[in-house]
Amino acid sequence: MFLDLATLTLAALACASVSMTVARSRLFRPLREWLVRRSAWLGKLVTCPYCFSHWVALTLVLALGWLGWRALIFDTFAVVTLAAPLQWLIFASISAITEVE
């Protein structure tokens, strides 16, 4: 019915990594700048790792298989909740060794 704990944890790690990479890395800077010029909403979405993580989590949960509305909502927010502290760890680790935007 719901995702198992191991899958949920791995999805959270993937979510945190993707969200931080898109929202903070130099690689995605041109995309972020282009989206900021196109739409304030999209610009905010791709420059905020926490905001972006909701969409990444939803995409991951859907990709892992349709489990019904209750499971979809629960699993998505569970992934976001687990991803938030992981994002902080990723950000702290990266900023300790390099300049972060």
N, C-alpha and C. Protein backbone atom coordinates (compact mmCIF):
# COMPACT_ATOMS: atom_id res chain seq x y z
N MET A 1 0.82 -1.20 0.00
CA MET A 1 0.00 0.00 0.00
C MET A 1 0.86 1.26 0.00
N PHE A 2 1.84 1.34 0.90
CA PHE A 2 2.77 2.47 0.95
C PHE A 2 4.16 1.97 0.60
N LEU A 3 5.08 2.89 0.33
CA LEU A 3 6.46 2.51 0.05
C LEU A 3 7.11 1.97 1.32
N ASP A 4 7.99 0.97 1.16
CA ASP A 4 8.70 0.46 2.32
C ASP A 4 9.77 1.46 2.76
N LEU A 5 10.27 1.31 3.98
CA LEU A 5 11.19 2.28 4.57
C LEU A 5 12.47 2.44 3.76
N ALA A 6 13.01 1.35 3.24
CA ALA A 6 14.25 1.43 2.46
C ALA A 6 14.02 2.24 1.18
N THR A 7 12.93 1.98 0.49
CA THR A 7 12.62 2.72 -0.73
C THR A 7 12.37 4.19 -0.42
N LEU A 8 11.66 4.45 0.66
CA LEU A 8 11.38 5.82 1.08
C LEU A 8 12.67 6.57 1.38
N THR A 9 13.60 5.91 2.07
CA THR A 9 14.88 6.52 2.41
C THR A 9 15.72 6.81 1.16
N LEU A 10 15.78 5.85 0.26
CA LEU A 10 16.53 6.06 -0.98
C LEU A 10 15.89 7.15 -1.84
N ALA A 11 14.57 7.20 -1.88
CA ALA A 11 13.88 8.25 -2.62
C ALA A 11 14.18 9.62 -2.00
N ALA A 12 14.25 9.69 -0.67
CA ALA A 12 14.57 10.95 0.00
C ALA A 12 15.99 11.39 -0.31
N LEU A 13 16.93 10.46 -0.34
CA LEU A 13 18.31 10.80 -0.68
C LEU A 13 18.40 11.30 -2.12
N ALA A 14 17.72 10.62 -3.03
CA ALA A 14 17.69 11.06 -4.43
C ALA A 14 17.03 12.44 -4.54
N CYS A 15 15.94 12.62 -3.84
CA CYS A 15 15.21 13.89 -3.86
C CYS A 15 16.10 15.03 -3.37
N ALA A 16 16.79 14.81 -2.26
CA ALA A 16 17.67 15.84 -1.71
C ALA A 16 18.79 16.18 -2.69
N SER A 17 19.38 15.16 -3.29
CA SER A 17 20.48 15.38 -4.23
C SER A 17 20.03 16.13 -5.48
N VAL A 18 18.93 15.70 -6.06
CA VAL A 18 18.42 16.36 -7.27
C VAL A 18 18.02 17.79 -6.95
N SER A 19 17.32 17.99 -5.85
CA SER A 19 16.85 19.34 -5.50
C SER A 19 18.01 20.30 -5.28
N MET A 20 19.02 19.86 -4.54
CA MET A 20 20.18 20.73 -4.30
C MET A 20 20.96 20.97 -5.58
N THR A 21 21.09 19.96 -6.41
CA THR A 21 21.83 20.12 -7.66
C THR A 21 21.15 21.13 -8.58
N VAL A 22 19.85 21.00 -8.75
CA VAL A 22 19.13 21.92 -9.65
C VAL A 22 19.08 23.33 -9.06
N ALA A 23 18.85 23.44 -7.76
CA ALA A 23 18.65 24.75 -7.15
C ALA A 23 19.94 25.50 -6.83
N ARG A 24 21.06 24.81 -6.73
CA ARG A 24 22.27 25.49 -6.26
C ARG A 24 23.51 25.32 -7.13
N SER A 25 23.56 24.35 -8.02
CA SER A 25 24.81 24.10 -8.74
C SER A 25 25.02 25.07 -9.90
N ARG A 26 26.28 25.23 -10.25
CA ARG A 26 26.63 26.08 -11.41
C ARG A 26 26.09 25.47 -12.70
N LEU A 27 26.04 24.16 -12.75
CA LEU A 27 25.57 23.46 -13.94
C LEU A 27 24.19 23.93 -14.37
N PHE A 28 23.30 24.14 -13.41
CA PHE A 28 21.93 24.52 -13.72
C PHE A 28 21.68 26.03 -13.61
N ARG A 29 22.72 26.83 -13.41
CA ARG A 29 22.55 28.27 -13.32
C ARG A 29 21.88 28.87 -14.56
N PRO A 30 22.30 28.50 -15.78
CA PRO A 30 21.62 29.08 -16.95
C PRO A 30 20.12 28.74 -17.00
N LEU A 31 19.77 27.53 -16.65
CA LEU A 31 18.35 27.15 -16.62
C LEU A 31 17.60 27.97 -15.58
N ARG A 32 18.18 28.11 -14.38
CA ARG A 32 17.53 28.90 -13.33
C ARG A 32 17.34 30.35 -13.76
N GLU A 33 18.38 30.94 -14.34
CA GLU A 33 18.28 32.34 -14.78
C GLU A 33 17.23 32.50 -15.88
N TRP A 34 17.17 31.54 -16.79
CA TRP A 34 16.18 31.61 -17.86
C TRP A 34 14.77 31.50 -17.28
N LEU A 35 14.56 30.59 -16.33
CA LEU A 35 13.24 30.42 -15.72
C LEU A 35 12.84 31.63 -14.86
N VAL A 36 13.81 32.24 -14.19
CA VAL A 36 13.53 33.45 -13.41
C VAL A 36 13.02 34.55 -14.33
N ARG A 37 13.63 34.69 -15.50
CA ARG A 37 13.18 35.71 -16.47
C ARG A 37 11.80 35.40 -17.04
N ARG A 38 11.48 34.12 -17.19
CA ARG A 38 10.20 33.71 -17.78
C ARG A 38 9.03 33.83 -16.81
N SER A 39 9.27 33.49 -15.53
CA SER A 39 8.16 33.44 -14.58
C SER A 39 8.69 33.56 -13.15
N ALA A 40 8.11 34.45 -12.37
CA ALA A 40 8.51 34.60 -10.97
C ALA A 40 8.26 33.30 -10.20
N TRP A 41 7.14 32.64 -10.49
CA TRP A 41 6.80 31.41 -9.79
C TRP A 41 7.82 30.31 -10.11
N LEU A 42 8.10 30.11 -11.39
CA LEU A 42 9.08 29.09 -11.77
C LEU A 42 10.47 29.44 -11.25
N GLY A 43 10.79 30.73 -11.28
CA GLY A 43 12.09 31.16 -10.76
C GLY A 43 12.24 30.82 -9.30
N LYS A 44 11.21 31.09 -8.50
CA LYS A 44 11.25 30.74 -7.08
C LYS A 44 11.34 29.22 -6.90
N LEU A 45 10.61 28.50 -7.72
CA LEU A 45 10.59 27.05 -7.61
C LEU A 45 11.98 26.45 -7.80
N VAL A 46 12.71 26.89 -8.80
CA VAL A 46 14.01 26.26 -9.11
C VAL A 46 15.18 26.88 -8.36
N THR A 47 14.96 27.93 -7.59
CA THR A 47 16.04 28.50 -6.80
C THR A 47 15.92 28.12 -5.32
N CYS A 48 14.86 27.45 -4.95
CA CYS A 48 14.63 27.03 -3.56
C CYS A 48 14.65 25.50 -3.49
N PRO A 49 15.70 24.92 -2.90
CA PRO A 49 15.78 23.46 -2.84
C PRO A 49 14.57 22.82 -2.16
N TYR A 50 14.09 23.44 -1.10
CA TYR A 50 12.94 22.88 -0.39
C TYR A 50 11.69 22.91 -1.27
N CYS A 51 11.46 24.03 -1.93
CA CYS A 51 10.29 24.15 -2.82
C CYS A 51 10.37 23.12 -3.95
N PHE A 52 11.54 23.03 -4.56
CA PHE A 52 11.72 22.12 -5.69
C PHE A 52 11.60 20.66 -5.25
N SER A 53 11.98 20.38 -4.00
CA SER A 53 11.96 18.99 -3.52
C SER A 53 10.55 18.40 -3.51
N HIS A 54 9.52 19.24 -3.35
CA HIS A 54 8.15 18.72 -3.38
C HIS A 54 7.82 18.14 -4.76
N TRP A 55 8.24 18.82 -5.79
CA TRP A 55 7.97 18.34 -7.15
C TRP A 55 8.83 17.13 -7.49
N VAL A 56 10.07 17.14 -7.02
CA VAL A 56 10.94 15.99 -7.25
C VAL A 56 10.39 14.77 -6.52
N ALA A 57 9.95 14.96 -5.28
CA ALA A 57 9.39 13.84 -4.50
C ALA A 57 8.14 13.29 -5.17
N LEU A 58 7.27 14.16 -5.62
CA LEU A 58 6.06 13.71 -6.31
C LEU A 58 6.41 12.90 -7.55
N THR A 59 7.38 13.38 -8.32
CA THR A 59 7.81 12.67 -9.52
C THR A 59 8.40 11.29 -9.17
N LEU A 60 9.23 11.25 -8.12
CA LEU A 60 9.82 9.97 -7.70
C LEU A 60 8.76 8.98 -7.24
N VAL A 61 7.83 9.45 -6.42
CA VAL A 61 6.78 8.56 -5.91
C VAL A 61 5.93 8.04 -7.06
N LEU A 62 5.59 8.90 -8.01
CA LEU A 62 4.82 8.44 -9.18
C LEU A 62 5.62 7.43 -9.99
N ALA A 63 6.93 7.67 -10.13
CA ALA A 63 7.77 6.76 -10.91
C ALA A 63 7.92 5.40 -10.23
N LEU A 64 7.79 5.39 -8.91
CA LEU A 64 7.91 4.12 -8.18
C LEU A 64 6.64 3.28 -8.26
N GLY A 65 5.59 3.83 -8.80
CA GLY A 65 4.36 3.06 -9.01
C GLY A 65 3.16 3.71 -8.36
N TRP A 66 2.04 3.66 -9.07
CA TRP A 66 0.80 4.25 -8.56
C TRP A 66 0.27 3.38 -7.44
N LEU A 67 0.15 3.95 -6.24
CA LEU A 67 -0.27 3.19 -5.07
C LEU A 67 -1.57 3.73 -4.49
N GLY A 68 -2.25 4.59 -5.20
CA GLY A 68 -3.48 5.19 -4.69
C GLY A 68 -3.23 6.59 -4.15
N TRP A 69 -4.27 7.35 -4.05
CA TRP A 69 -4.16 8.76 -3.62
C TRP A 69 -3.58 8.92 -2.24
N ARG A 70 -4.06 8.13 -1.27
CA ARG A 70 -3.56 8.26 0.11
C ARG A 70 -2.07 7.98 0.17
N ALA A 71 -1.65 6.92 -0.47
CA ALA A 71 -0.23 6.57 -0.47
C ALA A 71 0.58 7.62 -1.22
N LEU A 72 0.06 8.11 -2.32
CA LEU A 72 0.75 9.13 -3.11
C LEU A 72 1.02 10.37 -2.25
N ILE A 73 0.01 10.85 -1.57
CA ILE A 73 0.16 12.05 -0.74
C ILE A 73 1.08 11.77 0.44
N PHE A 74 0.85 10.67 1.15
CA PHE A 74 1.67 10.34 2.31
C PHE A 74 3.13 10.15 1.92
N ASP A 75 3.39 9.33 0.91
CA ASP A 75 4.76 9.04 0.50
C ASP A 75 5.48 10.29 0.00
N THR A 76 4.78 11.14 -0.74
CA THR A 76 5.40 12.36 -1.24
C THR A 76 5.86 13.24 -0.08
N PHE A 77 5.00 13.46 0.89
CA PHE A 77 5.39 14.30 2.03
C PHE A 77 6.41 13.61 2.93
N ALA A 78 6.37 12.30 3.01
CA ALA A 78 7.38 11.57 3.78
C ALA A 78 8.75 11.73 3.13
N VAL A 79 8.81 11.65 1.81
CA VAL A 79 10.08 11.85 1.10
C VAL A 79 10.59 13.27 1.32
N VAL A 80 9.72 14.26 1.21
CA VAL A 80 10.12 15.66 1.42
C VAL A 80 10.64 15.85 2.85
N THR A 81 9.95 15.28 3.82
CA THR A 81 10.35 15.41 5.22
C THR A 81 11.72 14.80 5.47
N LEU A 82 11.96 13.63 4.90
CA LEU A 82 13.27 12.99 5.06
C LEU A 82 14.35 13.70 4.24
N ALA A 83 13.97 14.29 3.13
CA ALA A 83 14.95 14.96 2.25
C ALA A 83 15.43 16.28 2.84
N ALA A 84 14.60 16.98 3.61
CA ALA A 84 14.97 18.30 4.13
C ALA A 84 16.28 18.28 4.94
N PRO A 85 16.42 17.40 5.94
CA PRO A 85 17.71 17.40 6.66
C PRO A 85 18.87 16.91 5.78
N LEU A 86 18.58 16.04 4.83
CA LEU A 86 19.63 15.59 3.91
C LEU A 86 20.11 16.75 3.04
N GLN A 87 19.19 17.63 2.63
CA GLN A 87 19.58 18.82 1.86
C GLN A 87 20.52 19.69 2.68
N TRP A 88 20.21 19.85 3.96
CA TRP A 88 21.06 20.66 4.82
C TRP A 88 22.46 20.04 4.90
N LEU A 89 22.53 18.72 5.05
CA LEU A 89 23.83 18.05 5.11
C LEU A 89 24.61 18.21 3.81
N ILE A 90 23.93 18.08 2.70
CA ILE A 90 24.58 18.25 1.40
C ILE A 90 25.10 19.68 1.26
N PHE A 91 24.25 20.65 1.60
CA PHE A 91 24.64 22.06 1.50
C PHE A 91 25.83 22.35 2.42
N ALA A 92 25.78 21.87 3.66
CA ALA A 92 26.87 22.10 4.60
C ALA A 92 28.17 21.45 4.11
N SER A 93 28.07 20.26 3.56
CA SER A 93 29.26 19.56 3.06
C SER A 93 29.87 20.29 1.88
N ILE A 94 29.04 20.69 0.95
CA ILE A 94 29.52 21.36 -0.24
C ILE A 94 30.11 22.74 0.11
N SER A 95 29.39 23.48 0.96
CA SER A 95 29.86 24.83 1.28
C SER A 95 31.14 24.80 2.11
N ALA A 96 31.44 23.68 2.76
CA ALA A 96 32.67 23.55 3.52
C ALA A 96 33.89 23.42 2.61
N ILE A 97 33.69 22.93 1.39
CA ILE A 97 34.83 22.70 0.51
C ILE A 97 34.84 23.59 -0.72
N THR A 98 33.75 24.27 -1.03
CA THR A 98 33.72 25.13 -2.21
C THR A 98 32.81 26.33 -1.98
N GLU A 99 32.89 27.25 -2.88
CA GLU A 99 32.01 28.42 -2.82
C GLU A 99 30.65 28.05 -3.37
N VAL A 100 29.61 28.27 -2.58
CA VAL A 100 28.24 27.95 -2.99
C VAL A 100 27.54 29.23 -3.38
N GLU A 101 26.74 29.16 -4.45
CA GLU A 101 26.02 30.35 -4.92
C GLU A 101 24.96 30.77 -3.93
